[in-house]
Amino acid sequence: MNNPIGEAEIRPVAVIRDGLLDRLKVQSGIKSDEAFARLVGVSRPTLARYKAGEEVSMRAAVGIALAFGLGLGEVVEMRSDDNAMAVAS
């Protein structure tokens, strides 16, 4: 967006809803993060980043939704990304 006065802008990002991945893992009966990550189509390190609240890719969000029969709105929520603040020129 154009910000003529040079104020910092906060960019919204999609993140996995808090606790969702752990609940889905328990409900599915999967024991390891490695197996759960394979089920939803991501690597174990990526799964850990999503659990920590980092931005999720659309591909991963859709993979999680499809794997568990959920809508995207049940999987992700929008948050402001305080780490991605940029000053518009």
N, C-alpha and C. Protein backbone atom coordinates (compact mmCIF):
# COMPACT_ATOMS: atom_id res chain seq x y z
N MET A 1 0.83 -1.19 0.00
CA MET A 1 0.00 0.00 0.00
C MET A 1 0.87 1.24 0.00
N ASN A 2 0.36 2.30 -0.55
CA ASN A 2 1.07 3.55 -0.57
C ASN A 2 0.84 4.28 0.75
N ASN A 3 1.91 4.68 1.39
CA ASN A 3 1.85 5.35 2.68
C ASN A 3 2.61 6.66 2.54
N PRO A 4 1.92 7.76 2.18
CA PRO A 4 2.61 9.01 1.85
C PRO A 4 3.32 9.68 3.02
N ILE A 5 2.96 9.37 4.24
CA ILE A 5 3.62 10.06 5.36
C ILE A 5 4.74 9.23 5.98
N GLY A 6 5.04 8.07 5.39
CA GLY A 6 6.20 7.29 5.82
C GLY A 6 6.01 6.53 7.11
N GLU A 7 4.78 6.31 7.53
CA GLU A 7 4.55 5.53 8.74
C GLU A 7 4.75 4.05 8.45
N ALA A 8 5.12 3.32 9.49
CA ALA A 8 5.29 1.88 9.35
C ALA A 8 3.93 1.24 9.11
N GLU A 9 3.92 0.27 8.21
CA GLU A 9 2.69 -0.46 7.92
C GLU A 9 2.81 -1.86 8.51
N ILE A 10 1.73 -2.37 9.03
CA ILE A 10 1.71 -3.72 9.56
C ILE A 10 1.02 -4.60 8.54
N ARG A 11 1.69 -5.66 8.13
CA ARG A 11 1.19 -6.57 7.10
C ARG A 11 0.47 -7.74 7.77
N PRO A 12 -0.78 -8.00 7.40
CA PRO A 12 -1.47 -9.16 7.96
C PRO A 12 -0.91 -10.45 7.38
N VAL A 13 -0.81 -11.48 8.21
CA VAL A 13 -0.34 -12.79 7.76
C VAL A 13 -1.29 -13.87 8.25
N ALA A 14 -1.32 -14.97 7.53
CA ALA A 14 -2.12 -16.13 7.93
C ALA A 14 -1.26 -17.06 8.78
N VAL A 15 -1.80 -17.46 9.92
CA VAL A 15 -1.12 -18.41 10.80
C VAL A 15 -2.11 -19.51 11.16
N ILE A 16 -1.57 -20.66 11.53
CA ILE A 16 -2.42 -21.76 11.98
C ILE A 16 -3.01 -21.39 13.34
N ARG A 17 -4.28 -21.66 13.52
CA ARG A 17 -4.94 -21.37 14.80
C ARG A 17 -4.20 -22.03 15.95
N ASP A 18 -4.08 -21.31 17.06
CA ASP A 18 -3.36 -21.80 18.24
C ASP A 18 -3.87 -23.17 18.68
N GLY A 19 -2.94 -24.10 18.84
CA GLY A 19 -3.24 -25.42 19.35
C GLY A 19 -3.89 -26.38 18.36
N LEU A 20 -4.25 -25.90 17.18
CA LEU A 20 -4.95 -26.75 16.23
C LEU A 20 -4.13 -27.96 15.81
N LEU A 21 -2.86 -27.75 15.48
CA LEU A 21 -2.04 -28.86 14.99
C LEU A 21 -1.89 -29.95 16.05
N ASP A 22 -1.70 -29.56 17.30
CA ASP A 22 -1.59 -30.56 18.37
C ASP A 22 -2.91 -31.31 18.56
N ARG A 23 -4.04 -30.60 18.49
CA ARG A 23 -5.34 -31.27 18.64
C ARG A 23 -5.57 -32.25 17.49
N LEU A 24 -5.25 -31.84 16.27
CA LEU A 24 -5.43 -32.72 15.12
C LEU A 24 -4.53 -33.94 15.21
N LYS A 25 -3.32 -33.75 15.68
CA LYS A 25 -2.38 -34.87 15.83
C LYS A 25 -2.93 -35.88 16.83
N VAL A 26 -3.42 -35.41 17.96
CA VAL A 26 -3.98 -36.30 18.98
C VAL A 26 -5.22 -37.02 18.43
N GLN A 27 -6.11 -36.27 17.81
CA GLN A 27 -7.34 -36.85 17.27
C GLN A 27 -7.07 -37.90 16.20
N SER A 28 -6.01 -37.71 15.44
CA SER A 28 -5.69 -38.65 14.36
C SER A 28 -4.95 -39.89 14.87
N GLY A 29 -4.47 -39.83 16.11
CA GLY A 29 -3.75 -40.97 16.68
C GLY A 29 -2.32 -41.10 16.21
N ILE A 30 -1.83 -40.09 15.53
CA ILE A 30 -0.45 -40.12 15.04
C ILE A 30 0.48 -39.78 16.21
N LYS A 31 1.53 -40.57 16.35
CA LYS A 31 2.43 -40.41 17.50
C LYS A 31 3.57 -39.42 17.26
N SER A 32 4.13 -39.40 16.06
CA SER A 32 5.32 -38.58 15.82
C SER A 32 5.01 -37.34 15.00
N ASP A 33 5.79 -36.29 15.26
CA ASP A 33 5.66 -35.07 14.45
C ASP A 33 6.06 -35.34 13.00
N GLU A 34 7.03 -36.24 12.80
CA GLU A 34 7.48 -36.56 11.44
C GLU A 34 6.33 -37.15 10.63
N ALA A 35 5.60 -38.10 11.19
CA ALA A 35 4.48 -38.72 10.48
C ALA A 35 3.34 -37.73 10.27
N PHE A 36 3.09 -36.90 11.27
CA PHE A 36 2.03 -35.91 11.14
C PHE A 36 2.38 -34.89 10.06
N ALA A 37 3.63 -34.47 10.02
CA ALA A 37 4.08 -33.51 9.00
C ALA A 37 3.90 -34.10 7.61
N ARG A 38 4.26 -35.38 7.43
CA ARG A 38 4.07 -36.04 6.13
C ARG A 38 2.60 -36.06 5.74
N LEU A 39 1.72 -36.33 6.71
CA LEU A 39 0.29 -36.39 6.43
C LEU A 39 -0.23 -35.07 5.87
N VAL A 40 0.24 -33.96 6.44
CA VAL A 40 -0.26 -32.65 6.00
C VAL A 40 0.59 -32.03 4.89
N GLY A 41 1.66 -32.73 4.49
CA GLY A 41 2.43 -32.31 3.32
C GLY A 41 3.51 -31.28 3.57
N VAL A 42 4.09 -31.27 4.78
CA VAL A 42 5.19 -30.35 5.09
C VAL A 42 6.31 -31.13 5.77
N SER A 43 7.45 -30.50 5.92
CA SER A 43 8.56 -31.12 6.65
C SER A 43 8.36 -30.93 8.15
N ARG A 44 9.07 -31.71 8.95
CA ARG A 44 8.97 -31.57 10.40
C ARG A 44 9.42 -30.19 10.87
N PRO A 45 10.53 -29.64 10.33
CA PRO A 45 10.92 -28.28 10.74
C PRO A 45 9.86 -27.23 10.38
N THR A 46 9.22 -27.40 9.23
CA THR A 46 8.16 -26.47 8.83
C THR A 46 6.98 -26.59 9.77
N LEU A 47 6.61 -27.81 10.13
CA LEU A 47 5.53 -28.03 11.09
C LEU A 47 5.84 -27.32 12.41
N ALA A 48 7.08 -27.42 12.87
CA ALA A 48 7.48 -26.76 14.12
C ALA A 48 7.33 -25.24 14.00
N ARG A 49 7.68 -24.68 12.84
CA ARG A 49 7.53 -23.23 12.65
C ARG A 49 6.06 -22.83 12.69
N TYR A 50 5.20 -23.63 12.06
CA TYR A 50 3.77 -23.32 12.09
C TYR A 50 3.22 -23.41 13.50
N LYS A 51 3.68 -24.39 14.27
CA LYS A 51 3.24 -24.51 15.66
C LYS A 51 3.69 -23.31 16.49
N ALA A 52 4.83 -22.73 16.11
CA ALA A 52 5.36 -21.57 16.82
C ALA A 52 4.69 -20.26 16.41
N GLY A 53 3.77 -20.34 15.44
CA GLY A 53 3.02 -19.15 15.05
C GLY A 53 3.56 -18.41 13.85
N GLU A 54 4.48 -19.02 13.11
CA GLU A 54 4.99 -18.36 11.91
C GLU A 54 3.97 -18.44 10.78
N GLU A 55 4.14 -17.57 9.81
CA GLU A 55 3.22 -17.50 8.67
C GLU A 55 3.15 -18.83 7.94
N VAL A 56 1.94 -19.24 7.59
CA VAL A 56 1.71 -20.49 6.89
C VAL A 56 1.48 -20.21 5.40
N SER A 57 2.00 -21.09 4.56
CA SER A 57 1.76 -20.95 3.12
C SER A 57 0.33 -21.39 2.81
N MET A 58 -0.21 -20.88 1.73
CA MET A 58 -1.55 -21.29 1.31
C MET A 58 -1.57 -22.78 1.01
N ARG A 59 -0.52 -23.28 0.38
CA ARG A 59 -0.44 -24.70 0.05
C ARG A 59 -0.52 -25.57 1.30
N ALA A 60 0.21 -25.19 2.34
CA ALA A 60 0.19 -25.96 3.59
C ALA A 60 -1.17 -25.86 4.28
N ALA A 61 -1.75 -24.67 4.30
CA ALA A 61 -3.06 -24.48 4.93
C ALA A 61 -4.11 -25.33 4.23
N VAL A 62 -4.07 -25.37 2.91
CA VAL A 62 -5.02 -26.19 2.15
C VAL A 62 -4.76 -27.67 2.41
N GLY A 63 -3.50 -28.06 2.50
CA GLY A 63 -3.16 -29.46 2.79
C GLY A 63 -3.71 -29.91 4.13
N ILE A 64 -3.59 -29.06 5.13
CA ILE A 64 -4.12 -29.37 6.46
C ILE A 64 -5.64 -29.46 6.41
N ALA A 65 -6.26 -28.50 5.75
CA ALA A 65 -7.72 -28.49 5.64
C ALA A 65 -8.22 -29.75 4.93
N LEU A 66 -7.60 -30.12 3.82
CA LEU A 66 -8.02 -31.30 3.08
C LEU A 66 -7.79 -32.60 3.87
N ALA A 67 -6.66 -32.67 4.55
CA ALA A 67 -6.33 -33.89 5.30
C ALA A 67 -7.33 -34.17 6.41
N PHE A 68 -7.94 -33.11 6.95
CA PHE A 68 -8.84 -33.29 8.09
C PHE A 68 -10.27 -32.86 7.83
N GLY A 69 -10.60 -32.57 6.57
CA GLY A 69 -11.97 -32.20 6.23
C GLY A 69 -12.42 -30.89 6.86
N LEU A 70 -11.51 -29.93 6.94
CA LEU A 70 -11.81 -28.63 7.54
C LEU A 70 -11.87 -27.55 6.46
N GLY A 71 -12.53 -26.46 6.76
CA GLY A 71 -12.49 -25.29 5.91
C GLY A 71 -11.26 -24.46 6.25
N LEU A 72 -10.82 -23.64 5.31
CA LEU A 72 -9.63 -22.81 5.57
C LEU A 72 -9.81 -21.92 6.79
N GLY A 73 -11.02 -21.40 6.98
CA GLY A 73 -11.29 -20.55 8.13
C GLY A 73 -11.16 -21.26 9.46
N GLU A 74 -11.27 -22.59 9.43
CA GLU A 74 -11.08 -23.37 10.65
C GLU A 74 -9.61 -23.65 10.91
N VAL A 75 -8.78 -23.50 9.89
CA VAL A 75 -7.36 -23.81 9.99
C VAL A 75 -6.52 -22.56 10.28
N VAL A 76 -6.81 -21.47 9.60
CA VAL A 76 -5.97 -20.28 9.73
C VAL A 76 -6.73 -19.10 10.32
N GLU A 77 -5.97 -18.19 10.87
CA GLU A 77 -6.49 -16.90 11.30
C GLU A 77 -5.49 -15.84 10.86
N MET A 78 -5.98 -14.64 10.70
CA MET A 78 -5.11 -13.54 10.27
C MET A 78 -4.60 -12.79 11.50
N ARG A 79 -3.32 -12.47 11.47
CA ARG A 79 -2.68 -11.69 12.53
C ARG A 79 -1.82 -10.62 11.88
N SER A 80 -1.53 -9.59 12.65
CA SER A 80 -0.59 -8.60 12.14
C SER A 80 0.81 -9.14 12.36
N ASP A 81 1.66 -8.93 11.38
CA ASP A 81 3.04 -9.40 11.44
C ASP A 81 3.93 -8.26 11.91
N ASP A 82 4.19 -8.20 13.19
CA ASP A 82 5.02 -7.14 13.74
C ASP A 82 6.46 -7.21 13.24
N ASN A 83 6.88 -8.39 12.80
CA ASN A 83 8.24 -8.55 12.30
C ASN A 83 8.38 -8.16 10.84
N ALA A 84 7.26 -7.96 10.15
CA ALA A 84 7.31 -7.64 8.72
C ALA A 84 6.91 -6.19 8.47
N MET A 85 7.17 -5.34 9.44
CA MET A 85 6.83 -3.92 9.27
C MET A 85 7.79 -3.30 8.27
N ALA A 86 7.25 -2.50 7.40
CA ALA A 86 8.09 -1.84 6.39
C ALA A 86 7.65 -0.39 6.26
N VAL A 87 8.61 0.44 5.99
CA VAL A 87 8.30 1.84 5.76
C VAL A 87 8.11 2.03 4.26
N ALA A 88 6.98 2.53 3.90
CA ALA A 88 6.70 2.75 2.47
C ALA A 88 7.51 3.94 1.98
N SER A 89 7.93 3.84 0.73
CA SER A 89 8.70 4.95 0.17
C SER A 89 7.85 5.88 -0.63
